[in-house]
């Protein structure tokens, strides 16, 4: 069990580290526009996912998903949302707005909670309301600091939050590779047509600086699929509370990339706004961990009560009175 937890932690750290390094990868592709990068990302991700499904003998799951029209429709909507998220993120990186993009992933857990209330009618605990309130105040402070609402951050958080809700409707039974393969398959015909149009118009960058630009664009499939599969492996081995803590590695690394490596300016008022977001996340994380512990204790107590009522010792799992 300890070995599985250690492996899960390693997979999770690797996934969120790779996502955190995305600004450096997309900056290397800056001669290609955001639209062209996303189109290539769709096509090459589909090919990588199909190769993975073939290598792991998981095509049966993929075919099962494709036979379910409702599931394909749901994943099609998810595909549009994730493509929009990709496009906004690439645009942010290549327009020197990496710091604001990182803010989007800092506030994403708070946006997910807000979407749960608005869309699913979920009830929030008191500390969750406090966290959402502090997060909303932070957005107001950052709006004053930027001189306008942090639209990139809010768009990234909203698109990814809605993507998460849609994926939840698809069900947890859809594996990471099969899910991404279905999503990219829905988008691939449009992506291929768009790439042909761009190529015919002479605006394609695929052959620029041959062969490096082409290789970078083709690597988008691996870059997309690798952290997703690492995350899926981590999620099977770790509690959600642990995943929730590790996930902050991504926006922290993105913020550091923006400030330290890409020389983006961070005036004091923006640091204050970010600080308020971090306070909200501390409150949110504390509440999530405390709630998980309460639920675990409650389930354990119910199990003990049930075992005792049934005449079984809850520790040894042997009938009471038969122990020696």
C-alpha atoms as a PDB file:
ATOM      1  CA  UNK A   1       0.000   0.000   0.000  1.00  0.00           C
ATOM      2  CA  UNK A   2       2.833   2.372   0.893  1.00  0.00           C
ATOM      3  CA  UNK A   3       4.549   1.514  -2.397  1.00  0.00           C
ATOM      4  CA  UNK A   4       1.379   2.313  -4.373  1.00  0.00           C
ATOM      5  CA  UNK A   5       1.021   5.637  -2.555  1.00  0.00           C
ATOM      6  CA  UNK A   6       4.641   6.530  -3.307  1.00  0.00           C
ATOM      7  CA  UNK A   7       4.191   5.643  -6.962  1.00  0.00           C
ATOM      8  CA  UNK A   8       0.966   7.629  -7.110  1.00  0.00           C
ATOM      9  CA  UNK A   9       2.701  10.655  -5.604  1.00  0.00           C
ATOM     10  CA  UNK A  10       5.549  10.362  -8.117  1.00  0.00           C
ATOM     11  CA  UNK A  11       3.086  10.136 -11.006  1.00  0.00           C
ATOM     12  CA  UNK A  12       1.108  13.118  -9.701  1.00  0.00           C
ATOM     13  CA  UNK A  13       4.179  15.304  -9.205  1.00  0.00           C
ATOM     14  CA  UNK A  14       5.432  14.387 -12.684  1.00  0.00           C
ATOM     15  CA  UNK A  15       2.055  15.238 -14.278  1.00  0.00           C
ATOM     16  CA  UNK A  16       1.684  18.609 -12.565  1.00  0.00           C
ATOM     17  CA  UNK A  17       5.369  19.426 -13.149  1.00  0.00           C
ATOM     18  CA  UNK A  18       4.940  18.847 -16.894  1.00  0.00           C
ATOM     19  CA  UNK A  19       1.810  21.002 -16.961  1.00  0.00           C
ATOM     20  CA  UNK A  20       3.720  23.648 -15.019  1.00  0.00           C
ATOM     21  CA  UNK A  21       6.454  23.688 -17.680  1.00  0.00           C
ATOM     22  CA  UNK A  22       3.977  24.231 -20.534  1.00  0.00           C
ATOM     23  CA  UNK A  23       4.828  27.963 -20.887  1.00  0.00           C
ATOM     24  CA  UNK A  24       8.367  27.094 -21.963  1.00  0.00           C
ATOM     25  CA  UNK A  25       7.136  24.571 -24.536  1.00  0.00           C
ATOM     26  CA  UNK A  26       4.551  26.881 -26.100  1.00  0.00           C
ATOM     27  CA  UNK A  27       6.973  29.801 -26.080  1.00  0.00           C
ATOM     28  CA  UNK A  28       9.272  27.654 -28.237  1.00  0.00           C
ATOM     29  CA  UNK A  29       6.364  27.455 -30.718  1.00  0.00           C
ATOM     30  CA  UNK A  30       5.679  31.199 -30.724  1.00  0.00           C
ATOM     31  CA  UNK A  31       6.217  31.594 -34.481  1.00  0.00           C
ATOM     32  CA  UNK A  32       3.026  29.527 -34.915  1.00  0.00           C
ATOM     33  CA  UNK A  33      -0.213  31.234 -33.927  1.00  0.00           C
ATOM     34  CA  UNK A  34      -2.449  29.907 -31.174  1.00  0.00           C
ATOM     35  CA  UNK A  35      -4.976  28.533 -33.676  1.00  0.00           C
ATOM     36  CA  UNK A  36      -2.391  26.579 -35.671  1.00  0.00           C
ATOM     37  CA  UNK A  37      -0.833  25.172 -32.483  1.00  0.00           C
ATOM     38  CA  UNK A  38      -4.222  23.963 -31.197  1.00  0.00           C
ATOM     39  CA  UNK A  39      -5.066  22.391 -34.578  1.00  0.00           C
ATOM     40  CA  UNK A  40      -1.805  20.435 -34.558  1.00  0.00           C
ATOM     41  CA  UNK A  41      -2.342  19.529 -30.918  1.00  0.00           C
ATOM     42  CA  UNK A  42      -5.696  17.960 -31.784  1.00  0.00           C
ATOM     43  CA  UNK A  43      -4.365  15.920 -34.717  1.00  0.00           C
ATOM     44  CA  UNK A  44      -1.179  14.644 -33.089  1.00  0.00           C
ATOM     45  CA  UNK A  45      -2.911  13.950 -29.763  1.00  0.00           C
ATOM     46  CA  UNK A  46      -5.404  11.724 -31.581  1.00  0.00           C
ATOM     47  CA  UNK A  47      -2.582   9.745 -33.207  1.00  0.00           C
ATOM     48  CA  UNK A  48      -0.743   9.341 -29.886  1.00  0.00           C
ATOM     49  CA  UNK A  49      -3.933   8.207 -28.123  1.00  0.00           C
ATOM     50  CA  UNK A  50      -4.696   5.666 -30.863  1.00  0.00           C
ATOM     51  CA  UNK A  51      -1.148   4.324 -30.574  1.00  0.00           C
ATOM     52  CA  UNK A  52      -1.520   4.041 -26.798  1.00  0.00           C
ATOM     53  CA  UNK A  53      -4.856   2.252 -27.121  1.00  0.00           C
ATOM     54  CA  UNK A  54      -3.283  -0.204 -29.562  1.00  0.00           C
ATOM     55  CA  UNK A  55      -0.226  -0.769 -27.358  1.00  0.00           C
ATOM     56  CA  UNK A  56      -2.345  -1.392 -24.236  1.00  0.00           C
ATOM     57  CA  UNK A  57      -4.984  -3.475 -26.039  1.00  0.00           C
ATOM     58  CA  UNK A  58      -7.656  -0.989 -24.930  1.00  0.00           C
ATOM     59  CA  UNK A  59      -9.406  -0.475 -28.284  1.00  0.00           C
ATOM     60  CA  UNK A  60     -12.447  -2.348 -26.964  1.00  0.00           C
ATOM     61  CA  UNK A  61     -13.108   0.460 -24.467  1.00  0.00           C
ATOM     62  CA  UNK A  62     -12.693   3.046 -27.239  1.00  0.00           C
ATOM     63  CA  UNK A  63     -15.154   1.211 -29.499  1.00  0.00           C
ATOM     64  CA  UNK A  64     -17.618   0.922 -26.618  1.00  0.00           C
ATOM     65  CA  UNK A  65     -17.501   4.694 -26.128  1.00  0.00           C
ATOM     66  CA  UNK A  66     -17.991   5.335 -29.855  1.00  0.00           C
ATOM     67  CA  UNK A  67     -21.073   3.083 -29.960  1.00  0.00           C
ATOM     68  CA  UNK A  68     -22.749   5.190 -27.255  1.00  0.00           C
ATOM     69  CA  UNK A  69     -24.128   8.247 -29.077  1.00  0.00           C
ATOM     70  CA  UNK A  70     -24.981  10.063 -25.872  1.00  0.00           C
ATOM     71  CA  UNK A  71     -21.468   9.617 -24.528  1.00  0.00           C
ATOM     72  CA  UNK A  72     -19.923  10.744 -27.825  1.00  0.00           C
ATOM     73  CA  UNK A  73     -22.154  13.829 -27.742  1.00  0.00           C
ATOM     74  CA  UNK A  74     -21.134  14.661 -24.182  1.00  0.00           C
ATOM     75  CA  UNK A  75     -17.449  14.162 -24.973  1.00  0.00           C
ATOM     76  CA  UNK A  76     -17.913  16.269 -28.115  1.00  0.00           C
ATOM     77  CA  UNK A  77     -19.036  19.199 -25.984  1.00  0.00           C
ATOM     78  CA  UNK A  78     -16.075  18.546 -23.677  1.00  0.00           C
ATOM     79  CA  UNK A  79     -13.792  18.571 -26.734  1.00  0.00           C
ATOM     80  CA  UNK A  80     -14.963  22.044 -27.750  1.00  0.00           C
ATOM     81  CA  UNK A  81     -14.383  23.348 -24.224  1.00  0.00           C
ATOM     82  CA  UNK A  82     -10.882  21.873 -23.893  1.00  0.00           C
ATOM     83  CA  UNK A  83      -9.910  23.163 -27.358  1.00  0.00           C
ATOM     84  CA  UNK A  84     -11.090  26.618 -26.277  1.00  0.00           C
ATOM     85  CA  UNK A  85      -9.057  26.262 -23.082  1.00  0.00           C
ATOM     86  CA  UNK A  86      -5.972  25.229 -25.064  1.00  0.00           C
ATOM     87  CA  UNK A  87      -6.344  28.164 -27.425  1.00  0.00           C
ATOM     88  CA  UNK A  88      -6.711  30.726 -24.637  1.00  0.00           C
ATOM     89  CA  UNK A  89      -3.715  29.292 -22.810  1.00  0.00           C
ATOM     90  CA  UNK A  90      -1.423  29.282 -25.856  1.00  0.00           C
ATOM     91  CA  UNK A  91      -2.497  32.844 -26.683  1.00  0.00           C
ATOM     92  CA  UNK A  92      -1.734  33.902 -23.091  1.00  0.00           C
ATOM     93  CA  UNK A  93       1.732  32.333 -23.146  1.00  0.00           C
ATOM     94  CA  UNK A  94       2.727  33.834 -26.481  1.00  0.00           C
ATOM     95  CA  UNK A  95       1.358  37.289 -25.649  1.00  0.00           C
ATOM     96  CA  UNK A  96       3.441  37.577 -22.430  1.00  0.00           C
ATOM     97  CA  UNK A  97       0.550  36.853 -20.054  1.00  0.00           C
ATOM     98  CA  UNK A  98       1.823  33.681 -18.392  1.00  0.00           C
ATOM     99  CA  UNK A  99       1.310  35.134 -14.902  1.00  0.00           C
ATOM    100  CA  UNK A 100      -2.367  35.783 -15.575  1.00  0.00           C
ATOM    101  CA  UNK A 101      -2.703  32.289 -17.059  1.00  0.00           C
ATOM    102  CA  UNK A 102      -1.275  30.849 -13.834  1.00  0.00           C
ATOM    103  CA  UNK A 103      -3.902  32.830 -11.920  1.00  0.00           C
ATOM    104  CA  UNK A 104      -6.575  30.970 -13.896  1.00  0.00           C
ATOM    105  CA  UNK A 105      -5.374  27.643 -12.528  1.00  0.00           C
ATOM    106  CA  UNK A 106      -5.004  29.028  -9.012  1.00  0.00           C
ATOM    107  CA  UNK A 107      -8.660  30.087  -8.960  1.00  0.00           C
ATOM    108  CA  UNK A 108      -9.902  27.014 -10.842  1.00  0.00           C
ATOM    109  CA  UNK A 109     -10.832  25.058  -7.648  1.00  0.00           C
ATOM    110  CA  UNK A 110     -12.900  28.024  -6.461  1.00  0.00           C
ATOM    111  CA  UNK A 111     -14.601  28.322  -9.849  1.00  0.00           C
ATOM    112  CA  UNK A 112     -15.374  24.591  -9.749  1.00  0.00           C
ATOM    113  CA  UNK A 113     -17.060  25.042  -6.377  1.00  0.00           C
ATOM    114  CA  UNK A 114     -19.060  28.017  -7.697  1.00  0.00           C
ATOM    115  CA  UNK A 115     -20.121  25.998 -10.766  1.00  0.00           C
ATOM    116  CA  UNK A 116     -21.228  23.191  -8.460  1.00  0.00           C
ATOM    117  CA  UNK A 117     -23.549  25.612  -6.683  1.00  0.00           C
ATOM    118  CA  UNK A 118     -24.887  27.301  -9.820  1.00  0.00           C
ATOM    119  CA  UNK A 119     -25.130  24.309 -12.171  1.00  0.00           C
ATOM    120  CA  UNK A 120     -25.591  21.318  -9.847  1.00  0.00           C
ATOM    121  CA  UNK A 121     -27.336  23.038  -6.930  1.00  0.00           C
ATOM    122  CA  UNK A 122     -24.725  21.817  -4.441  1.00  0.00           C
ATOM    123  CA  UNK A 123     -24.664  23.157  -0.881  1.00  0.00           C
ATOM    124  CA  UNK A 124     -21.462  24.749   0.373  1.00  0.00           C
ATOM    125  CA  UNK A 125     -20.030  24.431   3.851  1.00  0.00           C
ATOM    126  CA  UNK A 126     -19.286  27.608   5.786  1.00  0.00           C
ATOM    127  CA  UNK A 127     -15.553  27.642   5.100  1.00  0.00           C
ATOM    128  CA  UNK A 128     -16.192  26.988   1.414  1.00  0.00           C
ATOM    129  CA  UNK A 129     -18.348  30.130   1.308  1.00  0.00           C
ATOM    130  CA  UNK A 130     -15.522  32.042   3.015  1.00  0.00           C
ATOM    131  CA  UNK A 131     -12.995  30.753   0.458  1.00  0.00           C
ATOM    132  CA  UNK A 132     -15.223  31.674  -2.491  1.00  0.00           C
ATOM    133  CA  UNK A 133     -15.838  35.110  -0.966  1.00  0.00           C
ATOM    134  CA  UNK A 134     -12.131  35.784  -0.482  1.00  0.00           C
ATOM    135  CA  UNK A 135     -11.498  34.565  -4.024  1.00  0.00           C
ATOM    136  CA  UNK A 136     -14.146  36.927  -5.414  1.00  0.00           C
ATOM    137  CA  UNK A 137     -12.591  39.815  -3.460  1.00  0.00           C
ATOM    138  CA  UNK A 138      -9.185  38.863  -4.890  1.00  0.00           C
ATOM    139  CA  UNK A 139     -10.598  39.058  -8.421  1.00  0.00           C
ATOM    140  CA  UNK A 140     -11.942  42.528  -7.614  1.00  0.00           C
ATOM    141  CA  UNK A 141      -8.501  43.617  -6.360  1.00  0.00           C
ATOM    142  CA  UNK A 142      -6.838  42.190  -9.466  1.00  0.00           C
ATOM    143  CA  UNK A 143      -9.396  43.956 -11.670  1.00  0.00           C
ATOM    144  CA  UNK A 144      -8.259  47.250 -10.138  1.00  0.00           C
ATOM    145  CA  UNK A 145      -4.594  46.224 -10.486  1.00  0.00           C
ATOM    146  CA  UNK A 146      -4.929  45.270 -14.161  1.00  0.00           C
ATOM    147  CA  UNK A 147      -7.324  48.092 -14.997  1.00  0.00           C
ATOM    148  CA  UNK A 148      -9.770  45.486 -16.329  1.00  0.00           C
ATOM    149  CA  UNK A 149     -11.086  42.097 -15.196  1.00  0.00           C
ATOM    150  CA  UNK A 150      -8.483  39.282 -15.498  1.00  0.00           C
ATOM    151  CA  UNK A 151     -10.345  37.897 -18.503  1.00  0.00           C
ATOM    152  CA  UNK A 152      -7.711  35.332 -19.483  1.00  0.00           C
ATOM    153  CA  UNK A 153      -7.575  33.872 -15.970  1.00  0.00           C
ATOM    154  CA  UNK A 154     -11.370  33.789 -15.655  1.00  0.00           C
ATOM    155  CA  UNK A 155     -11.786  32.297 -19.149  1.00  0.00           C
ATOM    156  CA  UNK A 156      -9.239  29.549 -18.437  1.00  0.00           C
ATOM    157  CA  UNK A 157     -10.838  28.711 -15.088  1.00  0.00           C
ATOM    158  CA  UNK A 158     -14.378  28.759 -16.499  1.00  0.00           C
ATOM    159  CA  UNK A 159     -13.589  26.680 -19.603  1.00  0.00           C
ATOM    160  CA  UNK A 160     -11.655  24.079 -17.611  1.00  0.00           C
ATOM    161  CA  UNK A 161     -14.282  24.047 -14.866  1.00  0.00           C
ATOM    162  CA  UNK A 162     -17.073  23.439 -17.397  1.00  0.00           C
ATOM    163  CA  UNK A 163     -14.897  20.789 -19.064  1.00  0.00           C
ATOM    164  CA  UNK A 164     -14.628  19.036 -15.700  1.00  0.00           C
ATOM    165  CA  UNK A 165     -18.407  19.111 -15.219  1.00  0.00           C
ATOM    166  CA  UNK A 166     -19.017  17.721 -18.703  1.00  0.00           C
ATOM    167  CA  UNK A 167     -16.454  14.966 -18.184  1.00  0.00           C
ATOM    168  CA  UNK A 168     -18.192  14.104 -14.944  1.00  0.00           C
ATOM    169  CA  UNK A 169     -21.391  13.557 -16.929  1.00  0.00           C
ATOM    170  CA  UNK A 170     -19.494  11.209 -19.229  1.00  0.00           C
ATOM    171  CA  UNK A 171     -18.778   9.036 -16.209  1.00  0.00           C
ATOM    172  CA  UNK A 172     -15.620   7.895 -14.489  1.00  0.00           C
ATOM    173  CA  UNK A 173     -15.712   4.608 -16.424  1.00  0.00           C
ATOM    174  CA  UNK A 174     -14.180   6.277 -19.484  1.00  0.00           C
ATOM    175  CA  UNK A 175     -10.396   5.946 -19.290  1.00  0.00           C
ATOM    176  CA  UNK A 176      -8.044   8.847 -19.906  1.00  0.00           C
ATOM    177  CA  UNK A 177      -6.724   7.625 -23.265  1.00  0.00           C
ATOM    178  CA  UNK A 178     -10.142   6.530 -24.573  1.00  0.00           C
ATOM    179  CA  UNK A 179     -11.719   9.806 -23.440  1.00  0.00           C
ATOM    180  CA  UNK A 180      -9.054  12.008 -25.028  1.00  0.00           C
ATOM    181  CA  UNK A 181      -9.093   9.863 -28.185  1.00  0.00           C
ATOM    182  CA  UNK A 182     -12.856  10.388 -28.506  1.00  0.00           C
ATOM    183  CA  UNK A 183     -12.594  14.116 -27.896  1.00  0.00           C
ATOM    184  CA  UNK A 184      -9.806  14.602 -30.430  1.00  0.00           C
ATOM    185  CA  UNK A 185     -11.561  12.304 -32.939  1.00  0.00           C
ATOM    186  CA  UNK A 186     -14.595  14.614 -32.828  1.00  0.00           C
ATOM    187  CA  UNK A 187     -12.365  17.639 -33.518  1.00  0.00           C
ATOM    188  CA  UNK A 188      -9.880  16.003 -35.922  1.00  0.00           C
ATOM    189  CA  UNK A 189     -11.869  16.422 -39.198  1.00  0.00           C
ATOM    190  CA  UNK A 190     -12.289  20.147 -38.563  1.00  0.00           C
ATOM    191  CA  UNK A 191      -8.646  20.461 -37.511  1.00  0.00           C
ATOM    192  CA  UNK A 192      -7.388  18.691 -40.640  1.00  0.00           C
ATOM    193  CA  UNK A 193      -9.535  20.850 -42.941  1.00  0.00           C
ATOM    194  CA  UNK A 194      -8.338  24.000 -41.168  1.00  0.00           C
ATOM    195  CA  UNK A 195      -4.692  22.914 -41.471  1.00  0.00           C
ATOM    196  CA  UNK A 196      -5.150  22.264 -45.195  1.00  0.00           C
ATOM    197  CA  UNK A 197      -6.673  25.729 -45.625  1.00  0.00           C
ATOM    198  CA  UNK A 198      -3.801  27.327 -43.693  1.00  0.00           C
ATOM    199  CA  UNK A 199      -1.286  25.385 -45.784  1.00  0.00           C
ATOM    200  CA  UNK A 200      -2.978  26.334 -49.077  1.00  0.00           C
ATOM    201  CA  UNK A 201      -2.981  29.997 -48.086  1.00  0.00           C
ATOM    202  CA  UNK A 202       0.766  29.899 -47.442  1.00  0.00           C
ATOM    203  CA  UNK A 203       0.386  30.804 -43.752  1.00  0.00           C
ATOM    204  CA  UNK A 204       1.471  27.446 -42.328  1.00  0.00           C
ATOM    205  CA  UNK A 205       4.603  27.421 -40.171  1.00  0.00           C
ATOM    206  CA  UNK A 206       4.979  23.626 -40.290  1.00  0.00           C
ATOM    207  CA  UNK A 207       7.901  23.810 -42.732  1.00  0.00           C
ATOM    208  CA  UNK A 208       9.499  26.883 -41.163  1.00  0.00           C
ATOM    209  CA  UNK A 209      13.001  26.355 -39.751  1.00  0.00           C
ATOM    210  CA  UNK A 210      12.916  22.759 -40.991  1.00  0.00           C
ATOM    211  CA  UNK A 211      12.802  20.313 -39.373  1.00  0.00           C
ATOM    212  CA  UNK A 212      12.590  21.800 -35.859  1.00  0.00           C
ATOM    213  CA  UNK A 213       9.252  23.616 -36.045  1.00  0.00           C
ATOM    214  CA  UNK A 214       7.601  20.554 -37.558  1.00  0.00           C
ATOM    215  CA  UNK A 215       9.040  18.297 -34.867  1.00  0.00           C
ATOM    216  CA  UNK A 216       7.883  20.662 -32.127  1.00  0.00           C
ATOM    217  CA  UNK A 217       4.359  20.778 -33.549  1.00  0.00           C
ATOM    218  CA  UNK A 218       4.261  17.001 -33.938  1.00  0.00           C
ATOM    219  CA  UNK A 219       5.438  16.552 -30.339  1.00  0.00           C
ATOM    220  CA  UNK A 220       2.246  18.301 -29.167  1.00  0.00           C
ATOM    221  CA  UNK A 221       0.544  14.907 -29.098  1.00  0.00           C
ATOM    222  CA  UNK A 222       3.021  13.432 -26.623  1.00  0.00           C
ATOM    223  CA  UNK A 223       3.126  16.674 -24.624  1.00  0.00           C
ATOM    224  CA  UNK A 224      -0.673  16.551 -24.303  1.00  0.00           C
ATOM    225  CA  UNK A 225      -1.088  12.846 -23.568  1.00  0.00           C
ATOM    226  CA  UNK A 226       1.869  12.192 -21.227  1.00  0.00           C
ATOM    227  CA  UNK A 227       0.790  14.346 -18.238  1.00  0.00           C
ATOM    228  CA  UNK A 228      -2.830  13.295 -18.671  1.00  0.00           C
ATOM    229  CA  UNK A 229      -1.933   9.609 -18.403  1.00  0.00           C
ATOM    230  CA  UNK A 230       0.419  10.268 -15.483  1.00  0.00           C
ATOM    231  CA  UNK A 231      -2.421  12.091 -13.738  1.00  0.00           C
ATOM    232  CA  UNK A 232      -4.817   9.211 -14.392  1.00  0.00           C
ATOM    233  CA  UNK A 233      -2.287   6.802 -12.846  1.00  0.00           C
ATOM    234  CA  UNK A 234      -1.905   9.074  -9.817  1.00  0.00           C
ATOM    235  CA  UNK A 235      -5.662   9.478  -9.366  1.00  0.00           C
ATOM    236  CA  UNK A 236      -6.088   5.691  -9.078  1.00  0.00           C
ATOM    237  CA  UNK A 237      -3.566   5.512  -6.234  1.00  0.00           C
ATOM    238  CA  UNK A 238      -4.035   8.695  -4.193  1.00  0.00           C
ATOM    239  CA  UNK A 239      -6.855  10.242  -2.151  1.00  0.00           C
ATOM    240  CA  UNK A 240      -8.513  13.272  -3.714  1.00  0.00           C
ATOM    241  CA  UNK A 241      -7.197  15.465  -0.883  1.00  0.00           C
ATOM    242  CA  UNK A 242      -3.616  14.569  -1.832  1.00  0.00           C
ATOM    243  CA  UNK A 243      -4.293  15.222  -5.527  1.00  0.00           C
ATOM    244  CA  UNK A 244      -5.838  18.542  -4.529  1.00  0.00           C
ATOM    245  CA  UNK A 245      -2.655  19.585  -2.750  1.00  0.00           C
ATOM    246  CA  UNK A 246      -0.278  18.455  -5.503  1.00  0.00           C
ATOM    247  CA  UNK A 247      -2.284  20.253  -8.203  1.00  0.00           C
ATOM    248  CA  UNK A 248      -1.066  23.649  -6.972  1.00  0.00           C
ATOM    249  CA  UNK A 249       2.393  22.716  -8.223  1.00  0.00           C
ATOM    250  CA  UNK A 250       1.255  23.566 -11.779  1.00  0.00           C
ATOM    251  CA  UNK A 251       0.225  27.224 -11.295  1.00  0.00           C
ATOM    252  CA  UNK A 252       3.182  27.832  -8.944  1.00  0.00           C
ATOM    253  CA  UNK A 253       5.603  26.651 -11.637  1.00  0.00           C
ATOM    254  CA  UNK A 254       3.755  28.667 -14.281  1.00  0.00           C
ATOM    255  CA  UNK A 255       3.971  31.770 -12.117  1.00  0.00           C
ATOM    256  CA  UNK A 256       7.701  31.206 -11.588  1.00  0.00           C
ATOM    257  CA  UNK A 257       8.186  30.696 -15.341  1.00  0.00           C
ATOM    258  CA  UNK A 258       6.425  33.978 -16.040  1.00  0.00           C
ATOM    259  CA  UNK A 259       8.246  36.056 -13.415  1.00  0.00           C
ATOM    260  CA  UNK A 260      11.721  34.491 -13.331  1.00  0.00           C
ATOM    261  CA  UNK A 261      12.274  33.077 -16.821  1.00  0.00           C
ATOM    262  CA  UNK A 262      10.053  35.180 -19.085  1.00  0.00           C
ATOM    263  CA  UNK A 263      10.560  38.501 -17.251  1.00  0.00           C
ATOM    264  CA  UNK A 264       6.898  39.395 -16.783  1.00  0.00           C
ATOM    265  CA  UNK A 265       6.288  42.374 -14.500  1.00  0.00           C
ATOM    266  CA  UNK A 266       4.458  41.858 -11.188  1.00  0.00           C
ATOM    267  CA  UNK A 267       3.637  45.140  -9.411  1.00  0.00           C
ATOM    268  CA  UNK A 268       2.767  45.144  -5.711  1.00  0.00           C
ATOM    269  CA  UNK A 269      -1.000  45.340  -6.211  1.00  0.00           C
ATOM    270  CA  UNK A 270      -0.949  42.148  -8.279  1.00  0.00           C
ATOM    271  CA  UNK A 271       1.060  40.366  -5.584  1.00  0.00           C
ATOM    272  CA  UNK A 272      -1.630  41.460  -3.111  1.00  0.00           C
ATOM    273  CA  UNK A 273      -4.349  40.032  -5.360  1.00  0.00           C
ATOM    274  CA  UNK A 274      -2.454  36.766  -5.793  1.00  0.00           C
ATOM    275  CA  UNK A 275      -1.864  36.640  -2.033  1.00  0.00           C
ATOM    276  CA  UNK A 276      -5.613  36.875  -1.425  1.00  0.00           C
ATOM    277  CA  UNK A 277      -6.185  34.009  -3.871  1.00  0.00           C
ATOM    278  CA  UNK A 278      -3.650  31.918  -1.959  1.00  0.00           C
ATOM    279  CA  UNK A 279      -5.436  32.701   1.325  1.00  0.00           C
ATOM    280  CA  UNK A 280      -8.688  31.518  -0.251  1.00  0.00           C
ATOM    281  CA  UNK A 281      -6.973  28.323  -1.411  1.00  0.00           C
ATOM    282  CA  UNK A 282      -5.541  27.663   2.062  1.00  0.00           C
ATOM    283  CA  UNK A 283      -9.046  27.977   3.548  1.00  0.00           C
ATOM    284  CA  UNK A 284     -10.511  25.805   0.802  1.00  0.00           C
ATOM    285  CA  UNK A 285      -7.825  23.121   1.164  1.00  0.00           C
ATOM    286  CA  UNK A 286      -8.083  23.062   4.970  1.00  0.00           C
ATOM    287  CA  UNK A 287     -11.849  22.608   4.728  1.00  0.00           C
ATOM    288  CA  UNK A 288     -11.503  19.847   2.110  1.00  0.00           C
ATOM    289  CA  UNK A 289      -8.986  17.890   4.201  1.00  0.00           C
ATOM    290  CA  UNK A 290     -11.039  18.326   7.387  1.00  0.00           C
ATOM    291  CA  UNK A 291     -14.190  17.188   5.580  1.00  0.00           C
ATOM    292  CA  UNK A 292     -12.421  14.138   4.122  1.00  0.00           C
ATOM    293  CA  UNK A 293     -11.164  13.165   7.583  1.00  0.00           C
ATOM    294  CA  UNK A 294     -14.649  13.567   9.103  1.00  0.00           C
ATOM    295  CA  UNK A 295     -16.174  11.418   6.369  1.00  0.00           C
ATOM    296  CA  UNK A 296     -13.480   8.767   6.827  1.00  0.00           C
ATOM    297  CA  UNK A 297     -14.031   8.712  10.593  1.00  0.00           C
ATOM    298  CA  UNK A 298     -17.804   8.517  10.108  1.00  0.00           C
ATOM    299  CA  UNK A 299     -17.529   5.620   7.650  1.00  0.00           C
ATOM    300  CA  UNK A 300     -15.116   3.816   9.983  1.00  0.00           C
ATOM    301  CA  UNK A 301     -17.488   4.267  12.924  1.00  0.00           C
ATOM    302  CA  UNK A 302     -20.412   2.966  10.851  1.00  0.00           C
ATOM    303  CA  UNK A 303     -18.346  -0.063   9.849  1.00  0.00           C
ATOM    304  CA  UNK A 304     -17.417  -0.744  13.481  1.00  0.00           C
ATOM    305  CA  UNK A 305     -21.035  -0.419  14.601  1.00  0.00           C
ATOM    306  CA  UNK A 306     -22.201  -2.700  11.810  1.00  0.00           C
ATOM    307  CA  UNK A 307     -19.560  -5.314  12.581  1.00  0.00           C
ATOM    308  CA  UNK A 308     -20.319  -5.274  16.301  1.00  0.00           C
ATOM    309  CA  UNK A 309     -24.062  -5.585  15.660  1.00  0.00           C
ATOM    310  CA  UNK A 310     -23.358  -8.567  13.395  1.00  0.00           C
ATOM    311  CA  UNK A 311     -21.300 -10.244  16.137  1.00  0.00           C
ATOM    312  CA  UNK A 312     -17.935  -9.671  14.482  1.00  0.00           C
ATOM    313  CA  UNK A 313     -14.841  -8.164  16.053  1.00  0.00           C
ATOM    314  CA  UNK A 314     -14.038  -5.120  13.830  1.00  0.00           C
ATOM    315  CA  UNK A 315     -10.280  -5.458  14.393  1.00  0.00           C
ATOM    316  CA  UNK A 316      -9.723  -9.129  13.633  1.00  0.00           C
ATOM    317  CA  UNK A 317     -12.854  -9.554  11.456  1.00  0.00           C
ATOM    318  CA  UNK A 318     -13.598 -12.851  13.262  1.00  0.00           C
ATOM    319  CA  UNK A 319     -16.852 -13.783  14.999  1.00  0.00           C
ATOM    320  CA  UNK A 320     -16.989 -12.437  18.556  1.00  0.00           C
ATOM    321  CA  UNK A 321     -16.528 -15.285  21.037  1.00  0.00           C
ATOM    322  CA  UNK A 322     -14.412 -17.385  18.655  1.00  0.00           C
ATOM    323  CA  UNK A 323     -11.123 -15.571  19.421  1.00  0.00           C
ATOM    324  CA  UNK A 324      -8.437 -17.342  21.436  1.00  0.00           C
END
